[in-house]
Amino acid sequence: MQDIPVHFNFSGTTDSFGHRSDIYSLPMVATAFYILLTMVNNFPHYFNYLTPITPENAHRQYTLATKLLRYLKVLVVVIFATLISITIHY
């Protein structure tokens, strides 16, 4: 049975190992985050904004909020892809 690294410390060394089937947990968590952020992105009127939402600024504020969530989705995918790559190549 081969073990894979499942946790790394800040210096990059492996703290703990897990079973080979644990490699599927990272893509599942990444997919869950992506789906959750996609669903949340459809309801920008429920977000908490620093400025009061008025008819004049609503479109701009909603556009900025949804754009931020789209960037966050890309960042989540990149981080998880990097983690999966490190885990596979270690």
PDB file of N, CA and C in Angstrom:
ATOM      1  N   MET A   1       0.843  -1.177   0.000  1.00  0.00           N
ATOM      2  CA  MET A   1       0.000   0.000   0.000  1.00  0.00           C
ATOM      3  C   MET A   1       0.890   1.242   0.000  1.00  0.00           C
ATOM      4  N   GLN A   2       0.656   2.112  -0.967  1.00  0.00           N
ATOM      5  CA  GLN A   2       1.404   3.353  -1.036  1.00  0.00           C
ATOM      6  C   GLN A   2       0.605   4.465  -0.391  1.00  0.00           C
ATOM      7  N   ASP A   3       1.278   5.252   0.399  1.00  0.00           N
ATOM      8  CA  ASP A   3       0.647   6.406   1.024  1.00  0.00           C
ATOM      9  C   ASP A   3       1.005   7.654   0.243  1.00  0.00           C
ATOM     10  N   ILE A   4       0.115   8.643   0.295  1.00  0.00           N
ATOM     11  CA  ILE A   4       0.372   9.923  -0.361  1.00  0.00           C
ATOM     12  C   ILE A   4       0.406  11.003   0.712  1.00  0.00           C
ATOM     13  N   PRO A   5       1.119  12.095   0.460  1.00  0.00           N
ATOM     14  CA  PRO A   5       1.126  13.190   1.436  1.00  0.00           C
ATOM     15  C   PRO A   5      -0.234  13.884   1.453  1.00  0.00           C
ATOM     16  N   VAL A   6      -0.761  14.140   2.641  1.00  0.00           N
ATOM     17  CA  VAL A   6      -2.054  14.813   2.752  1.00  0.00           C
ATOM     18  C   VAL A   6      -1.961  16.146   3.495  1.00  0.00           C
ATOM     19  N   HIS A   7      -0.812  16.429   4.104  1.00  0.00           N
ATOM     20  CA  HIS A   7      -0.666  17.700   4.803  1.00  0.00           C
ATOM     21  C   HIS A   7       0.784  18.141   4.738  1.00  0.00           C
ATOM     22  N   PHE A   8       0.976  19.432   4.448  1.00  0.00           N
ATOM     23  CA  PHE A   8       2.310  20.015   4.359  1.00  0.00           C
ATOM     24  C   PHE A   8       2.414  21.163   5.349  1.00  0.00           C
ATOM     25  N   ASN A   9       3.622  21.368   5.933  1.00  0.00           N
ATOM     26  CA  ASN A   9       3.814  22.519   6.811  1.00  0.00           C
ATOM     27  C   ASN A   9       4.273  23.708   5.973  1.00  0.00           C
ATOM     28  N   PHE A  10       4.573  24.813   6.610  1.00  0.00           N
ATOM     29  CA  PHE A  10       4.923  26.026   5.880  1.00  0.00           C
ATOM     30  C   PHE A  10       6.250  25.926   5.143  1.00  0.00           C
ATOM     31  N   SER A  11       7.131  25.041   5.579  1.00  0.00           N
ATOM     32  CA  SER A  11       8.405  24.893   4.877  1.00  0.00           C
ATOM     33  C   SER A  11       8.305  23.925   3.705  1.00  0.00           C
ATOM     34  N   GLY A  12       7.149  23.291   3.525  1.00  0.00           N
ATOM     35  CA  GLY A  12       6.938  22.421   2.383  1.00  0.00           C
ATOM     36  C   GLY A  12       7.181  20.951   2.648  1.00  0.00           C
ATOM     37  N   THR A  13       7.541  20.592   3.868  1.00  0.00           N
ATOM     38  CA  THR A  13       7.751  19.182   4.171  1.00  0.00           C
ATOM     39  C   THR A  13       6.419  18.552   4.586  1.00  0.00           C
ATOM     40  N   THR A  14       6.329  17.258   4.367  1.00  0.00           N
ATOM     41  CA  THR A  14       5.094  16.534   4.635  1.00  0.00           C
ATOM     42  C   THR A  14       4.922  16.283   6.124  1.00  0.00           C
ATOM     43  N   ASP A  15       3.744  16.631   6.647  1.00  0.00           N
ATOM     44  CA  ASP A  15       3.417  16.389   8.049  1.00  0.00           C
ATOM     45  C   ASP A  15       2.744  15.030   8.252  1.00  0.00           C
ATOM     46  N   SER A  16       1.870  14.669   7.320  1.00  0.00           N
ATOM     47  CA  SER A  16       1.157  13.404   7.475  1.00  0.00           C
ATOM     48  C   SER A  16       0.857  12.792   6.117  1.00  0.00           C
ATOM     49  N   PHE A  17       0.625  11.506   6.147  1.00  0.00           N
ATOM     50  CA  PHE A  17       0.332  10.756   4.941  1.00  0.00           C
ATOM     51  C   PHE A  17      -1.035  10.119   5.066  1.00  0.00           C
ATOM     52  N   GLY A  18      -1.644   9.807   3.913  1.00  0.00           N
ATOM     53  CA  GLY A  18      -2.946   9.163   3.902  1.00  0.00           C
ATOM     54  C   GLY A  18      -3.003   8.107   2.830  1.00  0.00           C
ATOM     55  N   HIS A  19      -4.147   7.469   2.727  1.00  0.00           N
ATOM     56  CA  HIS A  19      -4.346   6.419   1.748  1.00  0.00           C
ATOM     57  C   HIS A  19      -4.431   7.024   0.340  1.00  0.00           C
ATOM     58  N   ARG A  20      -4.147   6.211  -0.664  1.00  0.00           N
ATOM     59  CA  ARG A  20      -4.171   6.700  -2.046  1.00  0.00           C
ATOM     60  C   ARG A  20      -5.538   7.223  -2.456  1.00  0.00           C
ATOM     61  N   SER A  21      -6.593   6.687  -1.883  1.00  0.00           N
ATOM     62  CA  SER A  21      -7.938   7.150  -2.246  1.00  0.00           C
ATOM     63  C   SER A  21      -8.215   8.571  -1.744  1.00  0.00           C
ATOM     64  N   ASP A  22      -7.381   9.082  -0.840  1.00  0.00           N
ATOM     65  CA  ASP A  22      -7.557  10.450  -0.339  1.00  0.00           C
ATOM     66  C   ASP A  22      -7.297  11.507  -1.409  1.00  0.00           C
ATOM     67  N   ILE A  23      -6.677  11.118  -2.508  1.00  0.00           N
ATOM     68  CA  ILE A  23      -6.385  12.078  -3.582  1.00  0.00           C
ATOM     69  C   ILE A  23      -7.678  12.611  -4.199  1.00  0.00           C
ATOM     70  N   TYR A  24      -8.775  11.866  -4.065  1.00  0.00           N
ATOM     71  CA  TYR A  24     -10.049  12.305  -4.644  1.00  0.00           C
ATOM     72  C   TYR A  24     -10.753  13.351  -3.784  1.00  0.00           C
ATOM     73  N   SER A  25     -10.330  13.539  -2.564  1.00  0.00           N
ATOM     74  CA  SER A  25     -11.002  14.504  -1.694  1.00  0.00           C
ATOM     75  C   SER A  25     -10.753  15.942  -2.143  1.00  0.00           C
ATOM     76  N   LEU A  26      -9.558  16.246  -2.630  1.00  0.00           N
ATOM     77  CA  LEU A  26      -9.271  17.623  -3.068  1.00  0.00           C
ATOM     78  C   LEU A  26     -10.139  18.041  -4.260  1.00  0.00           C
ATOM     79  N   PRO A  27     -10.260  17.237  -5.317  1.00  0.00           N
ATOM     80  CA  PRO A  27     -11.151  17.659  -6.411  1.00  0.00           C
ATOM     81  C   PRO A  27     -12.614  17.768  -5.987  1.00  0.00           C
ATOM     82  N   MET A  28     -13.037  16.919  -5.067  1.00  0.00           N
ATOM     83  CA  MET A  28     -14.428  17.003  -4.604  1.00  0.00           C
ATOM     84  C   MET A  28     -14.671  18.293  -3.819  1.00  0.00           C
ATOM     85  N   VAL A  29     -13.725  18.674  -2.969  1.00  0.00           N
ATOM     86  CA  VAL A  29     -13.866  19.926  -2.205  1.00  0.00           C
ATOM     87  C   VAL A  29     -13.810  21.126  -3.150  1.00  0.00           C
ATOM     88  N   ALA A  30     -12.909  21.095  -4.122  1.00  0.00           N
ATOM     89  CA  ALA A  30     -12.807  22.188  -5.094  1.00  0.00           C
ATOM     90  C   ALA A  30     -14.097  22.321  -5.898  1.00  0.00           C
ATOM     91  N   THR A  31     -14.662  21.206  -6.302  1.00  0.00           N
ATOM     92  CA  THR A  31     -15.919  21.237  -7.051  1.00  0.00           C
ATOM     93  C   THR A  31     -17.055  21.774  -6.193  1.00  0.00           C
ATOM     94  N   ALA A  32     -17.095  21.376  -4.939  1.00  0.00           N
ATOM     95  CA  ALA A  32     -18.138  21.868  -4.032  1.00  0.00           C
ATOM     96  C   ALA A  32     -18.018  23.387  -3.841  1.00  0.00           C
ATOM     97  N   PHE A  33     -16.793  23.889  -3.639  1.00  0.00           N
ATOM     98  CA  PHE A  33     -16.586  25.337  -3.519  1.00  0.00           C
ATOM     99  C   PHE A  33     -17.018  26.066  -4.786  1.00  0.00           C
ATOM    100  N   TYR A  34     -16.646  25.512  -5.930  1.00  0.00           N
ATOM    101  CA  TYR A  34     -16.979  26.140  -7.205  1.00  0.00           C
ATOM    102  C   TYR A  34     -18.491  26.215  -7.397  1.00  0.00           C
ATOM    103  N   ILE A  35     -19.190  25.124  -7.108  1.00  0.00           N
ATOM    104  CA  ILE A  35     -20.650  25.106  -7.255  1.00  0.00           C
ATOM    105  C   ILE A  35     -21.296  26.070  -6.269  1.00  0.00           C
ATOM    106  N   LEU A  36     -20.824  26.086  -5.039  1.00  0.00           N
ATOM    107  CA  LEU A  36     -21.376  26.997  -4.032  1.00  0.00           C
ATOM    108  C   LEU A  36     -21.179  28.457  -4.442  1.00  0.00           C
ATOM    109  N   LEU A  37     -19.980  28.811  -4.890  1.00  0.00           N
ATOM    110  CA  LEU A  37     -19.720  30.192  -5.307  1.00  0.00           C
ATOM    111  C   LEU A  37     -20.529  30.559  -6.548  1.00  0.00           C
ATOM    112  N   THR A  38     -20.760  29.605  -7.434  1.00  0.00           N
ATOM    113  CA  THR A  38     -21.583  29.863  -8.613  1.00  0.00           C
ATOM    114  C   THR A  38     -23.022  30.141  -8.214  1.00  0.00           C
ATOM    115  N   MET A  39     -23.542  29.371  -7.282  1.00  0.00           N
ATOM    116  CA  MET A  39     -24.916  29.595  -6.824  1.00  0.00           C
ATOM    117  C   MET A  39     -25.036  30.928  -6.088  1.00  0.00           C
ATOM    118  N   VAL A  40     -24.077  31.249  -5.238  1.00  0.00           N
ATOM    119  CA  VAL A  40     -24.114  32.513  -4.490  1.00  0.00           C
ATOM    120  C   VAL A  40     -24.005  33.700  -5.440  1.00  0.00           C
ATOM    121  N   ASN A  41     -23.265  33.541  -6.511  1.00  0.00           N
ATOM    122  CA  ASN A  41     -23.060  34.631  -7.468  1.00  0.00           C
ATOM    123  C   ASN A  41     -24.354  35.032  -8.165  1.00  0.00           C
ATOM    124  N   ASN A  42     -25.357  34.183  -8.156  1.00  0.00           N
ATOM    125  CA  ASN A  42     -26.628  34.505  -8.808  1.00  0.00           C
ATOM    126  C   ASN A  42     -27.524  35.413  -7.965  1.00  0.00           C
ATOM    127  N   PHE A  43     -27.127  35.699  -6.747  1.00  0.00           N
ATOM    128  CA  PHE A  43     -27.963  36.504  -5.855  1.00  0.00           C
ATOM    129  C   PHE A  43     -27.177  37.658  -5.248  1.00  0.00           C
ATOM    130  N   PRO A  44     -26.693  38.605  -6.066  1.00  0.00           N
ATOM    131  CA  PRO A  44     -25.877  39.698  -5.523  1.00  0.00           C
ATOM    132  C   PRO A  44     -26.672  40.667  -4.649  1.00  0.00           C
ATOM    133  N   HIS A  45     -27.982  40.671  -4.765  1.00  0.00           N
ATOM    134  CA  HIS A  45     -28.782  41.591  -3.953  1.00  0.00           C
ATOM    135  C   HIS A  45     -28.838  41.173  -2.491  1.00  0.00           C
ATOM    136  N   TYR A  46     -28.390  39.956  -2.160  1.00  0.00           N
ATOM    137  CA  TYR A  46     -28.347  39.512  -0.763  1.00  0.00           C
ATOM    138  C   TYR A  46     -26.989  39.770  -0.104  1.00  0.00           C
ATOM    139  N   PHE A  47     -26.007  40.237  -0.853  1.00  0.00           N
ATOM    140  CA  PHE A  47     -24.667  40.469  -0.304  1.00  0.00           C
ATOM    141  C   PHE A  47     -24.692  41.649   0.657  1.00  0.00           C
ATOM    142  N   ASN A  48     -23.656  41.720   1.488  1.00  0.00           N
ATOM    143  CA  ASN A  48     -23.502  42.821   2.419  1.00  0.00           C
ATOM    144  C   ASN A  48     -22.554  43.842   1.781  1.00  0.00           C
ATOM    145  N   TYR A  49     -23.025  45.051   1.549  1.00  0.00           N
ATOM    146  CA  TYR A  49     -22.239  46.084   0.890  1.00  0.00           C
ATOM    147  C   TYR A  49     -21.861  47.178   1.886  1.00  0.00           C
ATOM    148  N   LEU A  50     -20.723  47.817   1.635  1.00  0.00           N
ATOM    149  CA  LEU A  50     -20.269  48.899   2.514  1.00  0.00           C
ATOM    150  C   LEU A  50     -21.087  50.165   2.323  1.00  0.00           C
ATOM    151  N   THR A  51     -21.548  50.392   1.097  1.00  0.00           N
ATOM    152  CA  THR A  51     -22.344  51.583   0.812  1.00  0.00           C
ATOM    153  C   THR A  51     -23.804  51.176   0.638  1.00  0.00           C
ATOM    154  N   PRO A  52     -24.709  52.060   0.976  1.00  0.00           N
ATOM    155  CA  PRO A  52     -26.125  51.737   0.763  1.00  0.00           C
ATOM    156  C   PRO A  52     -26.420  51.570  -0.734  1.00  0.00           C
ATOM    157  N   ILE A  53     -27.253  50.588  -1.057  1.00  0.00           N
ATOM    158  CA  ILE A  53     -27.608  50.338  -2.447  1.00  0.00           C
ATOM    159  C   ILE A  53     -28.803  51.214  -2.809  1.00  0.00           C
ATOM    160  N   THR A  54     -28.600  52.021  -3.829  1.00  0.00           N
ATOM    161  CA  THR A  54     -29.652  52.890  -4.354  1.00  0.00           C
ATOM    162  C   THR A  54     -29.895  52.501  -5.807  1.00  0.00           C
ATOM    163  N   PRO A  55     -30.978  52.955  -6.394  1.00  0.00           N
ATOM    164  CA  PRO A  55     -31.206  52.645  -7.818  1.00  0.00           C
ATOM    165  C   PRO A  55     -30.080  53.150  -8.722  1.00  0.00           C
ATOM    166  N   GLU A  56     -29.402  54.212  -8.299  1.00  0.00           N
ATOM    167  CA  GLU A  56     -28.331  54.769  -9.132  1.00  0.00           C
ATOM    168  C   GLU A  56     -27.061  53.913  -9.096  1.00  0.00           C
ATOM    169  N   ASN A  57     -26.742  53.322  -7.956  1.00  0.00           N
ATOM    170  CA  ASN A  57     -25.482  52.581  -7.860  1.00  0.00           C
ATOM    171  C   ASN A  57     -25.675  51.065  -7.818  1.00  0.00           C
ATOM    172  N   ALA A  58     -26.901  50.577  -7.894  1.00  0.00           N
ATOM    173  CA  ALA A  58     -27.159  49.145  -7.752  1.00  0.00           C
ATOM    174  C   ALA A  58     -26.461  48.332  -8.833  1.00  0.00           C
ATOM    175  N   HIS A  59     -26.578  48.744 -10.074  1.00  0.00           N
ATOM    176  CA  HIS A  59     -25.971  47.978 -11.164  1.00  0.00           C
ATOM    177  C   HIS A  59     -24.454  47.907 -11.001  1.00  0.00           C
ATOM    178  N   ARG A  60     -23.842  49.005 -10.672  1.00  0.00           N
ATOM    179  CA  ARG A  60     -22.377  49.038 -10.496  1.00  0.00           C
ATOM    180  C   ARG A  60     -21.944  48.163  -9.315  1.00  0.00           C
ATOM    181  N   GLN A  61     -22.642  48.256  -8.199  1.00  0.00           N
ATOM    182  CA  GLN A  61     -22.279  47.470  -7.017  1.00  0.00           C
ATOM    183  C   GLN A  61     -22.478  45.979  -7.275  1.00  0.00           C
ATOM    184  N   TYR A  62     -23.571  45.606  -7.918  1.00  0.00           N
ATOM    185  CA  TYR A  62     -23.821  44.199  -8.215  1.00  0.00           C
ATOM    186  C   TYR A  62     -22.796  43.662  -9.206  1.00  0.00           C
ATOM    187  N   THR A  63     -22.404  44.468 -10.171  1.00  0.00           N
ATOM    188  CA  THR A  63     -21.394  44.054 -11.136  1.00  0.00           C
ATOM    189  C   THR A  63     -20.052  43.829 -10.455  1.00  0.00           C
ATOM    190  N   LEU A  64     -19.661  44.746  -9.587  1.00  0.00           N
ATOM    191  CA  LEU A  64     -18.390  44.585  -8.865  1.00  0.00           C
ATOM    192  C   LEU A  64     -18.409  43.348  -7.960  1.00  0.00           C
ATOM    193  N   ALA A  65     -19.521  43.116  -7.294  1.00  0.00           N
ATOM    194  CA  ALA A  65     -19.616  41.972  -6.389  1.00  0.00           C
ATOM    195  C   ALA A  65     -19.551  40.652  -7.152  1.00  0.00           C
ATOM    196  N   THR A  66     -20.253  40.551  -8.262  1.00  0.00           N
ATOM    197  CA  THR A  66     -20.218  39.307  -9.034  1.00  0.00           C
ATOM    198  C   THR A  66     -18.861  39.108  -9.698  1.00  0.00           C
ATOM    199  N   LYS A  67     -18.223  40.192 -10.083  1.00  0.00           N
ATOM    200  CA  LYS A  67     -16.878  40.076 -10.667  1.00  0.00           C
ATOM    201  C   LYS A  67     -15.890  39.567  -9.617  1.00  0.00           C
ATOM    202  N   LEU A  68     -16.010  40.068  -8.392  1.00  0.00           N
ATOM    203  CA  LEU A  68     -15.151  39.608  -7.309  1.00  0.00           C
ATOM    204  C   LEU A  68     -15.332  38.104  -7.067  1.00  0.00           C
ATOM    205  N   LEU A  69     -16.562  37.629  -7.083  1.00  0.00           N
ATOM    206  CA  LEU A  69     -16.806  36.203  -6.883  1.00  0.00           C
ATOM    207  C   LEU A  69     -16.270  35.372  -8.044  1.00  0.00           C
ATOM    208  N   ARG A  70     -16.322  35.900  -9.260  1.00  0.00           N
ATOM    209  CA  ARG A  70     -15.736  35.172 -10.396  1.00  0.00           C
ATOM    210  C   ARG A  70     -14.230  35.064 -10.240  1.00  0.00           C
ATOM    211  N   TYR A  71     -13.573  36.119  -9.804  1.00  0.00           N
ATOM    212  CA  TYR A  71     -12.132  36.053  -9.544  1.00  0.00           C
ATOM    213  C   TYR A  71     -11.833  35.071  -8.410  1.00  0.00           C
ATOM    214  N   LEU A  72     -12.674  35.056  -7.394  1.00  0.00           N
ATOM    215  CA  LEU A  72     -12.494  34.131  -6.284  1.00  0.00           C
ATOM    216  C   LEU A  72     -12.629  32.681  -6.749  1.00  0.00           C
ATOM    217  N   LYS A  73     -13.559  32.415  -7.660  1.00  0.00           N
ATOM    218  CA  LYS A  73     -13.703  31.068  -8.198  1.00  0.00           C
ATOM    219  C   LYS A  73     -12.445  30.637  -8.946  1.00  0.00           C
ATOM    220  N   VAL A  74     -11.878  31.535  -9.735  1.00  0.00           N
ATOM    221  CA  VAL A  74     -10.643  31.209 -10.454  1.00  0.00           C
ATOM    222  C   VAL A  74      -9.515  30.945  -9.464  1.00  0.00           C
ATOM    223  N   LEU A  75      -9.424  31.762  -8.431  1.00  0.00           N
ATOM    224  CA  LEU A  75      -8.389  31.587  -7.419  1.00  0.00           C
ATOM    225  C   LEU A  75      -8.537  30.248  -6.698  1.00  0.00           C
ATOM    226  N   VAL A  76      -9.756  29.865  -6.364  1.00  0.00           N
ATOM    227  CA  VAL A  76      -9.993  28.578  -5.709  1.00  0.00           C
ATOM    228  C   VAL A  76      -9.554  27.429  -6.612  1.00  0.00           C
ATOM    229  N   VAL A  77      -9.903  27.501  -7.882  1.00  0.00           N
ATOM    230  CA  VAL A  77      -9.513  26.445  -8.820  1.00  0.00           C
ATOM    231  C   VAL A  77      -7.996  26.375  -8.950  1.00  0.00           C
ATOM    232  N   VAL A  78      -7.332  27.497  -9.053  1.00  0.00           N
ATOM    233  CA  VAL A  78      -5.870  27.510  -9.188  1.00  0.00           C
ATOM    234  C   VAL A  78      -5.201  26.957  -7.934  1.00  0.00           C
ATOM    235  N   ILE A  79      -5.672  27.363  -6.766  1.00  0.00           N
ATOM    236  CA  ILE A  79      -5.088  26.870  -5.512  1.00  0.00           C
ATOM    237  C   ILE A  79      -5.268  25.367  -5.389  1.00  0.00           C
ATOM    238  N   PHE A  80      -6.469  24.876  -5.648  1.00  0.00           N
ATOM    239  CA  PHE A  80      -6.696  23.441  -5.526  1.00  0.00           C
ATOM    240  C   PHE A  80      -5.953  22.663  -6.601  1.00  0.00           C
ATOM    241  N   ALA A  81      -5.851  23.192  -7.802  1.00  0.00           N
ATOM    242  CA  ALA A  81      -5.074  22.515  -8.847  1.00  0.00           C
ATOM    243  C   ALA A  81      -3.603  22.431  -8.454  1.00  0.00           C
ATOM    244  N   THR A  82      -3.091  23.489  -7.845  1.00  0.00           N
ATOM    245  CA  THR A  82      -1.709  23.476  -7.372  1.00  0.00           C
ATOM    246  C   THR A  82      -1.527  22.452  -6.257  1.00  0.00           C
ATOM    247  N   LEU A  83      -2.459  22.402  -5.327  1.00  0.00           N
ATOM    248  CA  LEU A  83      -2.377  21.423  -4.247  1.00  0.00           C
ATOM    249  C   LEU A  83      -2.430  19.994  -4.780  1.00  0.00           C
ATOM    250  N   ILE A  84      -3.301  19.744  -5.749  1.00  0.00           N
ATOM    251  CA  ILE A  84      -3.389  18.413  -6.333  1.00  0.00           C
ATOM    252  C   ILE A  84      -2.113  18.069  -7.056  1.00  0.00           C
ATOM    253  N   SER A  85      -1.571  19.022  -7.798  1.00  0.00           N
ATOM    254  CA  SER A  85      -0.314  18.776  -8.518  1.00  0.00           C
ATOM    255  C   SER A  85       0.842  18.489  -7.568  1.00  0.00           C
ATOM    256  N   ILE A  86       0.931  19.256  -6.500  1.00  0.00           N
ATOM    257  CA  ILE A  86       1.994  19.013  -5.506  1.00  0.00           C
ATOM    258  C   ILE A  86       1.831  17.633  -4.887  1.00  0.00           C
ATOM    259  N   THR A  87       0.604  17.277  -4.554  1.00  0.00           N
ATOM    260  CA  THR A  87       0.357  15.982  -3.937  1.00  0.00           C
ATOM    261  C   THR A  87       0.694  14.838  -4.885  1.00  0.00           C
ATOM    262  N   ILE A  88       0.358  14.965  -6.135  1.00  0.00           N
ATOM    263  CA  ILE A  88       0.622  13.897  -7.109  1.00  0.00           C
ATOM    264  C   ILE A  88       2.108  13.766  -7.393  1.00  0.00           C
ATOM    265  N   HIS A  89       2.803  14.875  -7.519  1.00  0.00           N
ATOM    266  CA  HIS A  89       4.215  14.855  -7.904  1.00  0.00           C
ATOM    267  C   HIS A  89       5.177  14.688  -6.747  1.00  0.00           C
ATOM    268  N   TYR A  90       4.670  14.637  -5.537  1.00  0.00           N
ATOM    269  CA  TYR A  90       5.561  14.542  -4.382  1.00  0.00           C
ATOM    270  C   TYR A  90       6.148  13.192  -4.284  1.00  0.00           C
TER     271      TYR A  90
END
